[in-house]
PDB file of all heavy atoms in Angstrom:
ATOM      1  N   ASN A   1       3.361   3.277  13.613  1.00  0.00           N
ATOM      2  CA  ASN A   1       3.180   2.990  15.029  1.00  0.00           C
ATOM      3  C   ASN A   1       3.395   4.264  15.823  1.00  0.00           C
ATOM      4  O   ASN A   1       4.265   5.065  15.477  1.00  0.00           O
ATOM      5  CB  ASN A   1       4.180   1.909  15.467  1.00  0.00           C
ATOM      6  CG  ASN A   1       3.756   1.219  16.745  1.00  0.00           C
ATOM      7  OD1 ASN A   1       3.559   1.860  17.770  1.00  0.00           O
ATOM      8  ND2 ASN A   1       3.616  -0.105  16.683  1.00  0.00           N
ATOM      9  N   ASP A   2       2.599   4.454  16.883  1.00  0.00           N
ATOM     10  CA  ASP A   2       2.838   5.631  17.718  1.00  0.00           C
ATOM     11  C   ASP A   2       4.154   5.514  18.479  1.00  0.00           C
ATOM     12  O   ASP A   2       4.712   6.509  18.931  1.00  0.00           O
ATOM     13  CB  ASP A   2       1.677   5.883  18.690  1.00  0.00           C
ATOM     14  CG  ASP A   2       1.075   4.613  19.254  1.00  0.00           C
ATOM     15  OD1 ASP A   2       1.777   3.575  19.264  1.00  0.00           O
ATOM     16  OD2 ASP A   2      -0.084   4.654  19.677  1.00  0.00           O
ATOM     17  N   PHE A   3       4.683   4.294  18.582  1.00  0.00           N
ATOM     18  CA  PHE A   3       6.004   4.111  19.167  1.00  0.00           C
ATOM     19  C   PHE A   3       7.085   4.805  18.348  1.00  0.00           C
ATOM     20  O   PHE A   3       8.136   5.198  18.871  1.00  0.00           O
ATOM     21  CB  PHE A   3       6.313   2.614  19.277  1.00  0.00           C
ATOM     22  CG  PHE A   3       7.697   2.313  19.789  1.00  0.00           C
ATOM     23  CD1 PHE A   3       8.004   2.467  21.133  1.00  0.00           C
ATOM     24  CD2 PHE A   3       8.694   1.885  18.928  1.00  0.00           C
ATOM     25  CE1 PHE A   3       9.283   2.195  21.606  1.00  0.00           C
ATOM     26  CE2 PHE A   3       9.970   1.614  19.394  1.00  0.00           C
ATOM     27  CZ  PHE A   3      10.266   1.770  20.745  1.00  0.00           C
ATOM     28  N   LEU A   4       6.848   4.983  17.024  1.00  0.00           N
ATOM     29  CA  LEU A   4       7.815   5.611  16.127  1.00  0.00           C
ATOM     30  C   LEU A   4       7.684   7.128  16.090  1.00  0.00           C
ATOM     31  O   LEU A   4       8.423   7.786  15.366  1.00  0.00           O
ATOM     32  CB  LEU A   4       7.651   5.059  14.711  1.00  0.00           C
ATOM     33  CG  LEU A   4       7.926   3.565  14.532  1.00  0.00           C
ATOM     34  CD1 LEU A   4       7.532   3.117  13.133  1.00  0.00           C
ATOM     35  CD2 LEU A   4       9.391   3.256  14.800  1.00  0.00           C
ATOM     36  N   ALA A   5       6.755   7.680  16.853  1.00  0.00           N
ATOM     37  CA  ALA A   5       6.584   9.135  16.876  1.00  0.00           C
ATOM     38  C   ALA A   5       7.775   9.794  17.571  1.00  0.00           C
ATOM     39  O   ALA A   5       8.314   9.252  18.536  1.00  0.00           O
ATOM     40  CB  ALA A   5       5.291   9.508  17.586  1.00  0.00           C
ATOM     41  N   PRO A   6       8.201  10.985  17.118  1.00  0.00           N
ATOM     42  CA  PRO A   6       9.331  11.670  17.766  1.00  0.00           C
ATOM     43  C   PRO A   6       8.960  12.251  19.121  1.00  0.00           C
ATOM     44  O   PRO A   6       9.836  12.624  19.892  1.00  0.00           O
ATOM     45  CB  PRO A   6       9.686  12.778  16.769  1.00  0.00           C
ATOM     46  CG  PRO A   6       8.426  13.034  16.016  1.00  0.00           C
ATOM     47  CD  PRO A   6       7.733  11.705  15.926  1.00  0.00           C
ATOM     48  N   THR A   7       7.655  12.356  19.429  1.00  0.00           N
ATOM     49  CA  THR A   7       7.214  12.898  20.725  1.00  0.00           C
ATOM     50  C   THR A   7       6.896  11.729  21.648  1.00  0.00           C
ATOM     51  O   THR A   7       7.725  10.864  21.856  1.00  0.00           O
ATOM     52  CB  THR A   7       6.001  13.811  20.536  1.00  0.00           C
ATOM     53  OG1 THR A   7       4.976  13.094  19.812  1.00  0.00           O
ATOM     54  CG2 THR A   7       6.393  15.051  19.726  1.00  0.00           C
ATOM     55  N   ASP A   8       5.697  11.682  22.213  1.00  0.00           N
ATOM     56  CA  ASP A   8       5.341  10.569  23.088  1.00  0.00           C
ATOM     57  C   ASP A   8       5.072   9.328  22.255  1.00  0.00           C
ATOM     58  O   ASP A   8       4.634   9.406  21.119  1.00  0.00           O
ATOM     59  CB  ASP A   8       4.095  10.924  23.911  1.00  0.00           C
ATOM     60  CG  ASP A   8       2.871  11.142  23.028  1.00  0.00           C
ATOM     61  OD1 ASP A   8       2.698  12.278  22.531  1.00  0.00           O
ATOM     62  OD2 ASP A   8       2.126  10.176  22.842  1.00  0.00           O
ATOM     63  N   GLY A   9       5.338   8.160  22.850  1.00  0.00           N
ATOM     64  CA  GLY A   9       5.158   6.912  22.124  1.00  0.00           C
ATOM     65  C   GLY A   9       4.143   5.991  22.755  1.00  0.00           C
ATOM     66  O   GLY A   9       4.227   4.779  22.601  1.00  0.00           O
ATOM     67  N   ASP A  10       3.165   6.553  23.472  1.00  0.00           N
ATOM     68  CA  ASP A  10       2.163   5.733  24.145  1.00  0.00           C
ATOM     69  C   ASP A  10       1.176   5.148  23.149  1.00  0.00           C
ATOM     70  O   ASP A  10       0.834   5.766  22.136  1.00  0.00           O
ATOM     71  CB  ASP A  10       1.401   6.568  25.180  1.00  0.00           C
ATOM     72  CG  ASP A  10       2.273   6.969  26.361  1.00  0.00           C
ATOM     73  OD1 ASP A  10       3.268   6.263  26.605  1.00  0.00           O
ATOM     74  OD2 ASP A  10       1.951   7.977  27.012  1.00  0.00           O
ATOM     75  N   ASP A  11       0.699   3.934  23.439  1.00  0.00           N
ATOM     76  CA  ASP A  11      -0.353   3.324  22.625  1.00  0.00           C
ATOM     77  C   ASP A  11      -1.657   4.065  22.848  1.00  0.00           C
ATOM     78  O   ASP A  11      -2.179   4.106  23.962  1.00  0.00           O
ATOM     79  CB  ASP A  11      -0.535   1.853  23.009  1.00  0.00           C
ATOM     80  CG  ASP A  11       0.517   0.983  22.364  1.00  0.00           C
ATOM     81  OD1 ASP A  11       0.834   1.203  21.198  1.00  0.00           O
ATOM     82  OD2 ASP A  11       1.031   0.076  23.051  1.00  0.00           O
ATOM     83  N   GLU A  12      -2.200   4.643  21.786  1.00  0.00           N
ATOM     84  CA  GLU A  12      -3.490   5.314  21.860  1.00  0.00           C
ATOM     85  C   GLU A  12      -3.999   5.593  20.456  1.00  0.00           C
ATOM     86  O   GLU A  12      -3.224   5.804  19.536  1.00  0.00           O
ATOM     87  CB  GLU A  12      -3.374   6.639  22.635  1.00  0.00           C
ATOM     88  CG  GLU A  12      -2.384   7.618  22.027  1.00  0.00           C
ATOM     89  CD  GLU A  12      -2.280   8.924  22.792  1.00  0.00           C
ATOM     90  OE1 GLU A  12      -2.932   9.059  23.832  1.00  0.00           O
ATOM     91  OE2 GLU A  12      -1.544   9.812  22.328  1.00  0.00           O
ATOM     92  N   PHE A  13      -5.323   5.558  20.307  1.00  0.00           N
ATOM     93  CA  PHE A  13      -5.974   5.911  19.057  1.00  0.00           C
ATOM     94  C   PHE A  13      -5.483   5.007  17.914  1.00  0.00           C
ATOM     95  O   PHE A  13      -5.707   3.815  17.951  1.00  0.00           O
ATOM     96  CB  PHE A  13      -5.790   7.392  18.754  1.00  0.00           C
ATOM     97  CG  PHE A  13      -6.329   8.305  19.837  1.00  0.00           C
ATOM     98  CD1 PHE A  13      -5.943   9.624  19.928  1.00  0.00           C
ATOM     99  CD2 PHE A  13      -7.220   7.835  20.794  1.00  0.00           C
ATOM    100  CE1 PHE A  13      -6.429  10.462  20.925  1.00  0.00           C
ATOM    101  CE2 PHE A  13      -7.732   8.657  21.793  1.00  0.00           C
ATOM    102  CZ  PHE A  13      -7.315   9.977  21.853  1.00  0.00           C
ATOM    103  N   TYR A  14      -4.837   5.561  16.874  1.00  0.00           N
ATOM    104  CA  TYR A  14      -4.259   4.718  15.825  1.00  0.00           C
ATOM    105  C   TYR A  14      -2.878   4.283  16.313  1.00  0.00           C
ATOM    106  O   TYR A  14      -1.919   5.042  16.292  1.00  0.00           O
ATOM    107  CB  TYR A  14      -4.147   5.507  14.520  1.00  0.00           C
ATOM    108  CG  TYR A  14      -3.424   4.766  13.411  1.00  0.00           C
ATOM    109  CD1 TYR A  14      -3.614   3.403  13.206  1.00  0.00           C
ATOM    110  CD2 TYR A  14      -2.550   5.433  12.563  1.00  0.00           C
ATOM    111  CE1 TYR A  14      -2.960   2.735  12.191  1.00  0.00           C
ATOM    112  CE2 TYR A  14      -1.893   4.778  11.540  1.00  0.00           C
ATOM    113  CZ  TYR A  14      -2.100   3.428  11.360  1.00  0.00           C
ATOM    114  OH  TYR A  14      -1.440   2.758  10.352  1.00  0.00           O
ATOM    115  N   THR A  15      -2.777   3.035  16.755  1.00  0.00           N
ATOM    116  CA  THR A  15      -1.556   2.615  17.441  1.00  0.00           C
ATOM    117  C   THR A  15      -0.655   1.723  16.612  1.00  0.00           C
ATOM    118  O   THR A  15       0.530   1.610  16.890  1.00  0.00           O
ATOM    119  CB  THR A  15      -1.919   1.897  18.759  1.00  0.00           C
ATOM    120  OG1 THR A  15      -0.735   1.565  19.461  1.00  0.00           O
ATOM    121  CG2 THR A  15      -2.717   0.628  18.498  1.00  0.00           C
ATOM    122  N   GLN A  16      -1.188   1.060  15.560  1.00  0.00           N
ATOM    123  CA  GLN A  16      -0.360   0.131  14.796  1.00  0.00           C
ATOM    124  C   GLN A  16      -0.927  -0.069  13.402  1.00  0.00           C
ATOM    125  O   GLN A  16      -2.136  -0.244  13.228  1.00  0.00           O
ATOM    126  CB  GLN A  16      -0.298  -1.221  15.510  1.00  0.00           C
ATOM    127  CG  GLN A  16       0.083  -2.405  14.659  1.00  0.00           C
ATOM    128  CD  GLN A  16       1.564  -2.479  14.365  1.00  0.00           C
ATOM    129  OE1 GLN A  16       2.362  -1.862  15.047  1.00  0.00           O
ATOM    130  NE2 GLN A  16       1.942  -3.246  13.356  1.00  0.00           N
ATOM    131  N   GLY A  17      -0.043  -0.031  12.388  1.00  0.00           N
ATOM    132  CA  GLY A  17      -0.436  -0.345  11.027  1.00  0.00           C
ATOM    133  C   GLY A  17       0.709  -1.030  10.312  1.00  0.00           C
ATOM    134  O   GLY A  17       1.857  -0.570  10.380  1.00  0.00           O
ATOM    135  N   LEU A  18       0.436  -2.144   9.636  1.00  0.00           N
ATOM    136  CA  LEU A  18       1.458  -2.893   8.906  1.00  0.00           C
ATOM    137  C   LEU A  18       0.937  -3.183   7.511  1.00  0.00           C
ATOM    138  O   LEU A  18      -0.167  -3.711   7.350  1.00  0.00           O
ATOM    139  CB  LEU A  18       1.788  -4.200   9.636  1.00  0.00           C
ATOM    140  CG  LEU A  18       2.919  -5.047   9.056  1.00  0.00           C
ATOM    141  CD1 LEU A  18       4.252  -4.301   9.155  1.00  0.00           C
ATOM    142  CD2 LEU A  18       3.018  -6.381   9.783  1.00  0.00           C
ATOM    143  N   LEU A  19       1.731  -2.832   6.496  1.00  0.00           N
ATOM    144  CA  LEU A  19       1.307  -2.986   5.104  1.00  0.00           C
ATOM    145  C   LEU A  19       2.421  -3.642   4.303  1.00  0.00           C
ATOM    146  O   LEU A  19       3.568  -3.190   4.317  1.00  0.00           O
ATOM    147  CB  LEU A  19       0.984  -1.613   4.497  1.00  0.00           C
ATOM    148  CG  LEU A  19       0.587  -1.591   3.021  1.00  0.00           C
ATOM    149  CD1 LEU A  19      -0.763  -2.271   2.823  1.00  0.00           C
ATOM    150  CD2 LEU A  19       0.536  -0.158   2.507  1.00  0.00           C
ATOM    151  N   LEU A  20       2.098  -4.726   3.607  1.00  0.00           N
ATOM    152  CA  LEU A  20       3.022  -5.407   2.697  1.00  0.00           C
ATOM    153  C   LEU A  20       2.438  -5.351   1.295  1.00  0.00           C
ATOM    154  O   LEU A  20       1.304  -5.773   1.073  1.00  0.00           O
ATOM    155  CB  LEU A  20       3.227  -6.861   3.125  1.00  0.00           C
ATOM    156  CG  LEU A  20       4.063  -7.730   2.161  1.00  0.00           C
ATOM    157  CD1 LEU A  20       5.495  -7.210   2.067  1.00  0.00           C
ATOM    158  CD2 LEU A  20       4.046  -9.193   2.594  1.00  0.00           C
ATOM    159  N   THR A  21       3.235  -4.851   0.346  1.00  0.00           N
ATOM    160  CA  THR A  21       2.777  -4.692  -1.030  1.00  0.00           C
ATOM    161  C   THR A  21       3.742  -5.356  -1.989  1.00  0.00           C
ATOM    162  O   THR A  21       4.964  -5.239  -1.838  1.00  0.00           O
ATOM    163  CB  THR A  21       2.668  -3.202  -1.396  1.00  0.00           C
ATOM    164  OG1 THR A  21       1.867  -2.526  -0.435  1.00  0.00           O
ATOM    165  CG2 THR A  21       2.030  -3.033  -2.764  1.00  0.00           C
ATOM    166  N   LEU A  22       3.204  -6.063  -2.985  1.00  0.00           N
ATOM    167  CA  LEU A  22       3.989  -6.699  -4.042  1.00  0.00           C
ATOM    168  C   LEU A  22       3.463  -6.227  -5.386  1.00  0.00           C
ATOM    169  O   LEU A  22       2.245  -6.248  -5.618  1.00  0.00           O
ATOM    170  CB  LEU A  22       3.890  -8.227  -3.947  1.00  0.00           C
ATOM    171  CG  LEU A  22       4.366  -8.876  -2.644  1.00  0.00           C
ATOM    172  CD1 LEU A  22       3.946 -10.336  -2.592  1.00  0.00           C
ATOM    173  CD2 LEU A  22       5.877  -8.768  -2.528  1.00  0.00           C
ATOM    174  N   ASP A  23       4.368  -5.827  -6.285  1.00  0.00           N
ATOM    175  CA  ASP A  23       3.988  -5.354  -7.616  1.00  0.00           C
ATOM    176  C   ASP A  23       4.599  -6.233  -8.695  1.00  0.00           C
ATOM    177  O   ASP A  23       5.765  -6.639  -8.608  1.00  0.00           O
ATOM    178  CB  ASP A  23       4.469  -3.903  -7.818  1.00  0.00           C
ATOM    179  CG  ASP A  23       3.344  -2.913  -7.629  1.00  0.00           C
ATOM    180  OD1 ASP A  23       2.365  -3.273  -6.969  1.00  0.00           O
ATOM    181  OD2 ASP A  23       3.454  -1.780  -8.133  1.00  0.00           O
ATOM    182  N   ARG A  24       3.812  -6.489  -9.728  1.00  0.00           N
ATOM    183  CA  ARG A  24       4.281  -7.270 -10.867  1.00  0.00           C
ATOM    184  C   ARG A  24       5.011  -6.381 -11.871  1.00  0.00           C
ATOM    185  O   ARG A  24       4.800  -5.172 -11.921  1.00  0.00           O
ATOM    186  CB  ARG A  24       3.110  -7.960 -11.559  1.00  0.00           C
ATOM    187  CG  ARG A  24       2.476  -9.074 -10.745  1.00  0.00           C
ATOM    188  CD  ARG A  24       1.246  -9.616 -11.431  1.00  0.00           C
ATOM    189  NE  ARG A  24       1.561 -10.295 -12.669  1.00  0.00           N
ATOM    190  CZ  ARG A  24       1.794 -11.582 -12.788  1.00  0.00           C
ATOM    191  NH1 ARG A  24       1.772 -12.357 -11.721  1.00  0.00           N
ATOM    192  NH2 ARG A  24       2.050 -12.131 -13.957  1.00  0.00           N
ATOM    193  N   HIS A  25       5.829  -7.014 -12.693  1.00  0.00           N
ATOM    194  CA  HIS A  25       6.467  -6.333 -13.818  1.00  0.00           C
ATOM    195  C   HIS A  25       5.377  -5.835 -14.768  1.00  0.00           C
ATOM    196  O   HIS A  25       4.385  -6.533 -14.996  1.00  0.00           O
ATOM    197  CB  HIS A  25       7.391  -7.316 -14.537  1.00  0.00           C
ATOM    198  CG  HIS A  25       8.291  -6.692 -15.545  1.00  0.00           C
ATOM    199  ND1 HIS A  25       7.844  -6.141 -16.725  1.00  0.00           N
ATOM    200  CD2 HIS A  25       9.641  -6.524 -15.538  1.00  0.00           C
ATOM    201  CE1 HIS A  25       8.861  -5.680 -17.405  1.00  0.00           C
ATOM    202  NE2 HIS A  25       9.971  -5.894 -16.704  1.00  0.00           N
ATOM    203  N   PRO A  26       5.525  -4.608 -15.326  1.00  0.00           N
ATOM    204  CA  PRO A  26       4.498  -4.105 -16.260  1.00  0.00           C
ATOM    205  C   PRO A  26       4.199  -5.069 -17.404  1.00  0.00           C
ATOM    206  O   PRO A  26       3.045  -5.165 -17.851  1.00  0.00           O
ATOM    207  CB  PRO A  26       5.107  -2.799 -16.762  1.00  0.00           C
ATOM    208  CG  PRO A  26       5.971  -2.336 -15.649  1.00  0.00           C
ATOM    209  CD  PRO A  26       6.549  -3.578 -15.049  1.00  0.00           C
ATOM    210  N   ASP A  27       5.216  -5.811 -17.892  1.00  0.00           N
ATOM    211  CA  ASP A  27       4.991  -6.758 -18.987  1.00  0.00           C
ATOM    212  C   ASP A  27       4.217  -7.993 -18.531  1.00  0.00           C
ATOM    213  O   ASP A  27       3.763  -8.782 -19.369  1.00  0.00           O
ATOM    214  CB  ASP A  27       6.326  -7.199 -19.590  1.00  0.00           C
ATOM    215  CG  ASP A  27       7.019  -6.059 -20.321  1.00  0.00           C
ATOM    216  OD1 ASP A  27       6.342  -5.049 -20.624  1.00  0.00           O
ATOM    217  OD2 ASP A  27       8.233  -6.168 -20.596  1.00  0.00           O
ATOM    218  N   ALA A  28       4.072  -8.172 -17.207  1.00  0.00           N
ATOM    219  CA  ALA A  28       3.332  -9.319 -16.668  1.00  0.00           C
ATOM    220  C   ALA A  28       1.945  -8.915 -16.200  1.00  0.00           C
ATOM    221  O   ALA A  28       1.276  -9.674 -15.508  1.00  0.00           O
ATOM    222  CB  ALA A  28       4.114  -9.954 -15.524  1.00  0.00           C
ATOM    223  N   THR A  29       1.496  -7.735 -16.557  1.00  0.00           N
ATOM    224  CA  THR A  29       0.148  -7.300 -16.200  1.00  0.00           C
ATOM    225  C   THR A  29      -0.876  -8.197 -16.885  1.00  0.00           C
ATOM    226  O   THR A  29      -0.796  -8.417 -18.097  1.00  0.00           O
ATOM    227  CB  THR A  29      -0.086  -5.837 -16.633  1.00  0.00           C
ATOM    228  OG1 THR A  29       0.884  -5.006 -15.997  1.00  0.00           O
ATOM    229  CG2 THR A  29      -1.479  -5.366 -16.259  1.00  0.00           C
ATOM    230  N   PRO A  30      -1.841  -8.762 -16.156  1.00  0.00           N
ATOM    231  CA  PRO A  30      -2.834  -9.644 -16.778  1.00  0.00           C
ATOM    232  C   PRO A  30      -3.667  -8.899 -17.824  1.00  0.00           C
ATOM    233  O   PRO A  30      -3.821  -7.684 -17.772  1.00  0.00           O
ATOM    234  CB  PRO A  30      -3.692 -10.100 -15.593  1.00  0.00           C
ATOM    235  CG  PRO A  30      -3.421  -9.125 -14.503  1.00  0.00           C
ATOM    236  CD  PRO A  30      -2.035  -8.638 -14.704  1.00  0.00           C
ATOM    237  N   LYS A  31      -4.225  -9.676 -18.752  1.00  0.00           N
ATOM    238  CA  LYS A  31      -4.952  -9.068 -19.873  1.00  0.00           C
ATOM    239  C   LYS A  31      -6.131  -8.233 -19.401  1.00  0.00           C
ATOM    240  O   LYS A  31      -6.384  -7.151 -19.926  1.00  0.00           O
ATOM    241  CB  LYS A  31      -5.429 -10.166 -20.827  1.00  0.00           C
ATOM    242  CG  LYS A  31      -4.310 -10.818 -21.622  1.00  0.00           C
ATOM    243  CD  LYS A  31      -4.860 -11.842 -22.605  1.00  0.00           C
ATOM    244  CE  LYS A  31      -3.742 -12.465 -23.420  1.00  0.00           C
ATOM    245  NZ  LYS A  31      -4.263 -13.481 -24.390  1.00  0.00           N
ATOM    246  N   TRP A  32      -6.872  -8.736 -18.414  1.00  0.00           N
ATOM    247  CA  TRP A  32      -8.046  -7.994 -17.957  1.00  0.00           C
ATOM    248  C   TRP A  32      -7.630  -6.662 -17.343  1.00  0.00           C
ATOM    249  O   TRP A  32      -8.314  -5.645 -17.530  1.00  0.00           O
ATOM    250  CB  TRP A  32      -8.848  -8.813 -16.958  1.00  0.00           C
ATOM    251  CG  TRP A  32      -8.138  -9.184 -15.695  1.00  0.00           C
ATOM    252  CD1 TRP A  32      -7.450 -10.324 -15.438  1.00  0.00           C
ATOM    253  CD2 TRP A  32      -8.029  -8.390 -14.516  1.00  0.00           C
ATOM    254  NE1 TRP A  32      -6.914 -10.315 -14.171  1.00  0.00           N
ATOM    255  CE2 TRP A  32      -7.261  -9.138 -13.587  1.00  0.00           C
ATOM    256  CE3 TRP A  32      -8.505  -7.135 -14.139  1.00  0.00           C
ATOM    257  CZ2 TRP A  32      -6.953  -8.652 -12.306  1.00  0.00           C
ATOM    258  CZ3 TRP A  32      -8.210  -6.658 -12.863  1.00  0.00           C
ATOM    259  CH2 TRP A  32      -7.450  -7.406 -11.970  1.00  0.00           C
ATOM    260  N   ALA A  33      -6.492  -6.660 -16.631  1.00  0.00           N
ATOM    261  CA  ALA A  33      -6.008  -5.411 -16.051  1.00  0.00           C
ATOM    262  C   ALA A  33      -5.513  -4.471 -17.142  1.00  0.00           C
ATOM    263  O   ALA A  33      -5.680  -3.250 -17.043  1.00  0.00           O
ATOM    264  CB  ALA A  33      -4.907  -5.697 -15.042  1.00  0.00           C
ATOM    265  N   SER A  34      -4.901  -5.037 -18.192  1.00  0.00           N
ATOM    266  CA  SER A  34      -4.430  -4.209 -19.301  1.00  0.00           C
ATOM    267  C   SER A  34      -5.593  -3.536 -20.026  1.00  0.00           C
ATOM    268  O   SER A  34      -5.512  -2.375 -20.427  1.00  0.00           O
ATOM    269  CB  SER A  34      -3.613  -5.052 -20.288  1.00  0.00           C
ATOM    270  OG  SER A  34      -2.449  -5.548 -19.691  1.00  0.00           O
ATOM    271  N   LYS A  35      -6.695  -4.266 -20.193  1.00  0.00           N
ATOM    272  CA  LYS A  35      -7.870  -3.689 -20.853  1.00  0.00           C
ATOM    273  C   LYS A  35      -8.437  -2.539 -20.021  1.00  0.00           C
ATOM    274  O   LYS A  35      -8.790  -1.488 -20.563  1.00  0.00           O
ATOM    275  CB  LYS A  35      -8.928  -4.764 -21.071  1.00  0.00           C
ATOM    276  CG  LYS A  35      -8.533  -5.817 -22.104  1.00  0.00           C
ATOM    277  CD  LYS A  35      -9.638  -6.858 -22.261  1.00  0.00           C
ATOM    278  CE  LYS A  35      -9.237  -7.913 -23.285  1.00  0.00           C
ATOM    279  NZ  LYS A  35     -10.297  -8.957 -23.438  1.00  0.00           N
ATOM    280  N   ILE A  36      -8.521  -2.765 -18.707  1.00  0.00           N
ATOM    281  CA  ILE A  36      -8.996  -1.684 -17.841  1.00  0.00           C
ATOM    282  C   ILE A  36      -8.041  -0.504 -17.901  1.00  0.00           C
ATOM    283  O   ILE A  36      -8.459   0.661 -17.955  1.00  0.00           O
ATOM    284  CB  ILE A  36      -9.139  -2.195 -16.393  1.00  0.00           C
ATOM    285  CG1 ILE A  36     -10.224  -3.270 -16.314  1.00  0.00           C
ATOM    286  CG2 ILE A  36      -9.460  -1.046 -15.440  1.00  0.00           C
ATOM    287  CD1 ILE A  36     -10.358  -3.909 -14.944  1.00  0.00           C
ATOM    288  N   SER A  37      -6.728  -0.790 -17.899  1.00  0.00           N
ATOM    289  CA  SER A  37      -5.725   0.276 -17.959  1.00  0.00           C
ATOM    290  C   SER A  37      -5.873   1.100 -19.227  1.00  0.00           C
ATOM    291  O   SER A  37      -5.773   2.331 -19.200  1.00  0.00           O
ATOM    292  CB  SER A  37      -4.316  -0.322 -17.888  1.00  0.00           C
ATOM    293  OG  SER A  37      -4.133  -1.040 -16.694  1.00  0.00           O
ATOM    294  N   ASP A  38      -6.099   0.425 -20.356  1.00  0.00           N
ATOM    295  CA  ASP A  38      -6.236   1.138 -21.628  1.00  0.00           C
ATOM    296  C   ASP A  38      -7.433   2.091 -21.604  1.00  0.00           C
ATOM    297  O   ASP A  38      -7.338   3.247 -22.030  1.00  0.00           O
ATOM    298  CB  ASP A  38      -6.385   0.137 -22.778  1.00  0.00           C
ATOM    299  CG  ASP A  38      -5.100  -0.639 -23.040  1.00  0.00           C
ATOM    300  OD1 ASP A  38      -4.033  -0.165 -22.595  1.00  0.00           O
ATOM    301  OD2 ASP A  38      -5.174  -1.714 -23.657  1.00  0.00           O
ATOM    302  N   LYS A  39      -8.566   1.599 -21.090  1.00  0.00           N
ATOM    303  CA  LYS A  39      -9.765   2.437 -21.067  1.00  0.00           C
ATOM    304  C   LYS A  39      -9.614   3.601 -20.094  1.00  0.00           C
ATOM    305  O   LYS A  39      -9.942   4.746 -20.405  1.00  0.00           O
ATOM    306  CB  LYS A  39     -10.986   1.590 -20.709  1.00  0.00           C
ATOM    307  CG  LYS A  39     -11.346   0.559 -21.779  1.00  0.00           C
ATOM    308  CD  LYS A  39     -12.580  -0.228 -21.389  1.00  0.00           C
ATOM    309  CE  LYS A  39     -12.935  -1.247 -22.464  1.00  0.00           C
ATOM    310  NZ  LYS A  39     -14.152  -2.041 -22.102  1.00  0.00           N
ATOM    311  N   LEU A  40      -9.113   3.297 -18.901  1.00  0.00           N
ATOM    312  CA  LEU A  40      -8.918   4.366 -17.918  1.00  0.00           C
ATOM    313  C   LEU A  40      -7.849   5.341 -18.374  1.00  0.00           C
ATOM    314  O   LEU A  40      -7.976   6.553 -18.193  1.00  0.00           O
ATOM    315  CB  LEU A  40      -8.533   3.761 -16.565  1.00  0.00           C
ATOM    316  CG  LEU A  40      -9.614   3.034 -15.787  1.00  0.00           C
ATOM    317  CD1 LEU A  40      -9.030   2.382 -14.537  1.00  0.00           C
ATOM    318  CD2 LEU A  40     -10.730   3.994 -15.383  1.00  0.00           C
ATOM    319  N   GLY A  41      -6.776   4.811 -18.960  1.00  0.00           N
ATOM    320  CA  GLY A  41      -5.681   5.670 -19.391  1.00  0.00           C
ATOM    321  C   GLY A  41      -6.103   6.688 -20.424  1.00  0.00           C
ATOM    322  O   GLY A  41      -5.692   7.854 -20.368  1.00  0.00           O
TER     323      GLY A  41
END
């Protein structure tokens, strides 16, 4: 958020971004993802 900037905090241009991420345990990686991982790896 531009409100979190150490300088001016006015709303302008890129003014807000919110991201929530959840990750699974490596042992719980689905089979299709594991196959892709093996080939890419």
